[in-house]
Amino acid sequence: MENSGHSESIRGFHAHVYYDDESRDRAAELRERIEGNFNVVMGRWRDQPVGPHPQAMYQIAFAPAEFARIVPWLMLNRNGLVILVHPETGDDYSDHAEHALWMGRKLELKLDFLRNLPRR
């Protein structure tokens, strides 16, 4: 999938589902539904902030071909959870800071963590 105006290509996507103590059960229910309905790779539960993420979350990795199925579904079924969707282009900073799609309120990511990572 080429994105116009940029030389990067999108190799895949990540969705990060954020939760806290009060919403962990909803996050678990959502996770179960995703695993049963989509071609994705589920990341582990991260009960503490990790990397640029300011609160607990788990990651969902999926191919560009799955985007049109899973993203609209997440929009309608996120059950109040905050979700970040971003492409995987090899530029982690731009993927999270410039090319991100937020569902729910936008969280402040720790972008300095990503600023000096090497391109992949």
C-alpha atoms as a PDB file:
ATOM      1  CA  MET A   1       0.000   0.000   0.000  1.00  0.00           C
ATOM      2  CA  GLU A   2       1.642   3.218  -1.125  1.00  0.00           C
ATOM      3  CA  ASN A   3       0.850   6.501   0.531  1.00  0.00           C
ATOM      4  CA  SER A   4       0.867   9.469  -1.796  1.00  0.00           C
ATOM      5  CA  GLY A   5       3.327  12.241  -1.126  1.00  0.00           C
ATOM      6  CA  HIS A   6       5.693  10.023   0.858  1.00  0.00           C
ATOM      7  CA  SER A   7       8.223   7.486  -0.229  1.00  0.00           C
ATOM      8  CA  GLU A   8       7.399   5.069   2.595  1.00  0.00           C
ATOM      9  CA  SER A   9       5.150   2.117   2.024  1.00  0.00           C
ATOM     10  CA  ILE A  10       2.860   0.659   4.653  1.00  0.00           C
ATOM     11  CA  ARG A  11       3.974  -2.847   5.579  1.00  0.00           C
ATOM     12  CA  GLY A  12       1.342  -3.382   8.229  1.00  0.00           C
ATOM     13  CA  PHE A  13      -0.612  -1.713  11.011  1.00  0.00           C
ATOM     14  CA  HIS A  14      -0.713  -1.741  14.772  1.00  0.00           C
ATOM     15  CA  ALA A  15      -3.723  -0.966  16.916  1.00  0.00           C
ATOM     16  CA  HIS A  16      -3.087  -0.250  20.585  1.00  0.00           C
ATOM     17  CA  VAL A  17      -6.027  -0.833  22.912  1.00  0.00           C
ATOM     18  CA  TYR A  18      -5.615   1.179  26.125  1.00  0.00           C
ATOM     19  CA  TYR A  19      -7.210   0.195  29.417  1.00  0.00           C
ATOM     20  CA  ASP A  20      -7.048   0.798  33.154  1.00  0.00           C
ATOM     21  CA  ASP A  21      -8.278  -1.135  36.187  1.00  0.00           C
ATOM     22  CA  GLU A  22     -11.893  -0.139  35.542  1.00  0.00           C
ATOM     23  CA  SER A  23     -11.855  -0.981  31.823  1.00  0.00           C
ATOM     24  CA  ARG A  24      -9.663  -4.116  31.796  1.00  0.00           C
ATOM     25  CA  ASP A  25     -12.685  -6.438  31.602  1.00  0.00           C
ATOM     26  CA  ARG A  26     -14.006  -4.557  28.548  1.00  0.00           C
ATOM     27  CA  ALA A  27     -10.534  -4.745  26.992  1.00  0.00           C
ATOM     28  CA  ALA A  28     -10.471  -8.511  27.605  1.00  0.00           C
ATOM     29  CA  GLU A  29     -13.904  -8.948  26.015  1.00  0.00           C
ATOM     30  CA  LEU A  30     -12.837  -6.880  22.998  1.00  0.00           C
ATOM     31  CA  ARG A  31      -9.625  -8.895  22.680  1.00  0.00           C
ATOM     32  CA  GLU A  32     -11.557 -12.162  22.663  1.00  0.00           C
ATOM     33  CA  ARG A  33     -13.897 -10.895  19.936  1.00  0.00           C
ATOM     34  CA  ILE A  34     -10.965  -9.677  17.817  1.00  0.00           C
ATOM     35  CA  GLU A  35      -9.112 -12.982  18.117  1.00  0.00           C
ATOM     36  CA  GLY A  36     -12.224 -14.862  17.003  1.00  0.00           C
ATOM     37  CA  ASN A  37     -13.056 -12.692  14.002  1.00  0.00           C
ATOM     38  CA  PHE A  38      -9.918 -11.250  12.414  1.00  0.00           C
ATOM     39  CA  ASN A  39      -6.590 -12.339  10.969  1.00  0.00           C
ATOM     40  CA  VAL A  40      -4.328 -10.581  13.484  1.00  0.00           C
ATOM     41  CA  VAL A  41      -1.371 -11.164  15.775  1.00  0.00           C
ATOM     42  CA  MET A  42      -2.180 -10.212  19.353  1.00  0.00           C
ATOM     43  CA  GLY A  43       0.483  -8.707  21.562  1.00  0.00           C
ATOM     44  CA  ARG A  44       0.715  -9.464  25.237  1.00  0.00           C
ATOM     45  CA  TRP A  45      -1.037  -7.522  27.976  1.00  0.00           C
ATOM     46  CA  ARG A  46       1.115  -4.593  29.104  1.00  0.00           C
ATOM     47  CA  ASP A  47      -0.285  -3.657  32.517  1.00  0.00           C
ATOM     48  CA  GLN A  48       2.297  -0.893  32.941  1.00  0.00           C
ATOM     49  CA  PRO A  49       3.156   1.896  30.482  1.00  0.00           C
ATOM     50  CA  VAL A  50       5.788   0.774  27.969  1.00  0.00           C
ATOM     51  CA  GLY A  51       7.722   2.675  25.303  1.00  0.00           C
ATOM     52  CA  PRO A  52       5.788   5.704  24.102  1.00  0.00           C
ATOM     53  CA  HIS A  53       2.494   4.486  25.555  1.00  0.00           C
ATOM     54  CA  PRO A  54       1.297   6.419  28.635  1.00  0.00           C
ATOM     55  CA  GLN A  55      -0.902   3.689  30.095  1.00  0.00           C
ATOM     56  CA  ALA A  56      -1.586  -0.033  30.055  1.00  0.00           C
ATOM     57  CA  MET A  57      -2.409  -1.505  26.652  1.00  0.00           C
ATOM     58  CA  TYR A  58      -2.142  -4.446  24.311  1.00  0.00           C
ATOM     59  CA  GLN A  59      -1.207  -4.361  20.655  1.00  0.00           C
ATOM     60  CA  ILE A  60      -2.959  -5.829  17.640  1.00  0.00           C
ATOM     61  CA  ALA A  61      -0.801  -6.298  14.518  1.00  0.00           C
ATOM     62  CA  PHE A  62      -2.470  -6.746  11.148  1.00  0.00           C
ATOM     63  CA  ALA A  63      -1.730  -6.623   7.428  1.00  0.00           C
ATOM     64  CA  PRO A  64      -2.884  -3.778   5.163  1.00  0.00           C
ATOM     65  CA  ALA A  65      -5.452  -6.135   3.600  1.00  0.00           C
ATOM     66  CA  GLU A  66      -7.172  -6.497   7.009  1.00  0.00           C
ATOM     67  CA  PHE A  67      -7.440  -2.711   7.603  1.00  0.00           C
ATOM     68  CA  ALA A  68     -10.807  -2.282   5.848  1.00  0.00           C
ATOM     69  CA  ARG A  69     -12.337  -5.057   7.951  1.00  0.00           C
ATOM     70  CA  ILE A  70     -10.958  -4.403  11.406  1.00  0.00           C
ATOM     71  CA  VAL A  71     -10.767  -0.592  11.665  1.00  0.00           C
ATOM     72  CA  PRO A  72     -14.462   0.086  10.951  1.00  0.00           C
ATOM     73  CA  TRP A  73     -15.354  -2.777  13.292  1.00  0.00           C
ATOM     74  CA  LEU A  74     -13.207  -1.256  16.053  1.00  0.00           C
ATOM     75  CA  MET A  75     -14.883   2.121  15.494  1.00  0.00           C
ATOM     76  CA  LEU A  76     -18.277   0.580  16.264  1.00  0.00           C
ATOM     77  CA  ASN A  77     -17.248  -1.989  18.873  1.00  0.00           C
ATOM     78  CA  ARG A  78     -14.522  -0.352  21.001  1.00  0.00           C
ATOM     79  CA  ASN A  79     -16.969  -0.086  23.932  1.00  0.00           C
ATOM     80  CA  GLY A  80     -15.570   3.233  25.180  1.00  0.00           C
ATOM     81  CA  LEU A  81     -11.933   2.141  25.045  1.00  0.00           C
ATOM     82  CA  VAL A  82      -9.273   4.425  23.580  1.00  0.00           C
ATOM     83  CA  ILE A  83      -7.559   2.905  20.542  1.00  0.00           C
ATOM     84  CA  LEU A  84      -4.580   4.138  18.514  1.00  0.00           C
ATOM     85  CA  VAL A  85      -4.119   2.783  14.985  1.00  0.00           C
ATOM     86  CA  HIS A  86      -0.891   3.537  13.140  1.00  0.00           C
ATOM     87  CA  PRO A  87       0.918   2.269  10.058  1.00  0.00           C
ATOM     88  CA  GLU A  88       4.209   0.404  10.078  1.00  0.00           C
ATOM     89  CA  THR A  89       6.496   2.203   7.618  1.00  0.00           C
ATOM     90  CA  GLY A  90       9.803   1.786   9.448  1.00  0.00           C
ATOM     91  CA  ASP A  91       9.694   5.335  10.846  1.00  0.00           C
ATOM     92  CA  ASP A  92       8.308   4.809  14.347  1.00  0.00           C
ATOM     93  CA  TYR A  93       8.205   8.504  15.195  1.00  0.00           C
ATOM     94  CA  SER A  94       6.205   9.529  12.126  1.00  0.00           C
ATOM     95  CA  ASP A  95       3.978   6.460  12.373  1.00  0.00           C
ATOM     96  CA  HIS A  96       2.915   7.413  15.915  1.00  0.00           C
ATOM     97  CA  ALA A  97       3.096  11.231  15.716  1.00  0.00           C
ATOM     98  CA  GLU A  98       1.987  12.104  12.186  1.00  0.00           C
ATOM     99  CA  HIS A  99       0.181   9.135  10.660  1.00  0.00           C
ATOM    100  CA  ALA A 100      -1.869   8.002  13.670  1.00  0.00           C
ATOM    101  CA  LEU A 101      -5.628   7.499  13.837  1.00  0.00           C
ATOM    102  CA  TRP A 102      -7.272   7.842  17.261  1.00  0.00           C
ATOM    103  CA  MET A 103     -10.572   6.389  18.418  1.00  0.00           C
ATOM    104  CA  GLY A 104     -11.757   8.090  21.580  1.00  0.00           C
ATOM    105  CA  ARG A 105      -9.700  10.756  23.268  1.00  0.00           C
ATOM    106  CA  LYS A 106      -6.170  11.301  22.041  1.00  0.00           C
ATOM    107  CA  LEU A 107      -3.560  10.336  24.627  1.00  0.00           C
ATOM    108  CA  GLU A 108      -0.244  12.129  24.940  1.00  0.00           C
ATOM    109  CA  LEU A 109       2.371   9.665  23.743  1.00  0.00           C
ATOM    110  CA  LYS A 110       5.964   9.881  24.965  1.00  0.00           C
ATOM    111  CA  LEU A 111       7.231  10.783  21.507  1.00  0.00           C
ATOM    112  CA  ASP A 112      10.772  11.588  22.676  1.00  0.00           C
ATOM    113  CA  PHE A 113      11.135   7.835  23.197  1.00  0.00           C
ATOM    114  CA  LEU A 114      10.605   7.349  19.439  1.00  0.00           C
ATOM    115  CA  ARG A 115      12.444  10.391  18.100  1.00  0.00           C
ATOM    116  CA  ASN A 116      15.897   8.816  17.996  1.00  0.00           C
ATOM    117  CA  LEU A 117      15.021   5.243  17.117  1.00  0.00           C
ATOM    118  CA  PRO A 118      16.657   4.057  13.891  1.00  0.00           C
ATOM    119  CA  ARG A 119      14.459   3.605  10.846  1.00  0.00           C
ATOM    120  CA  ARG A 120      13.634  -0.033  10.122  1.00  0.00           C
END
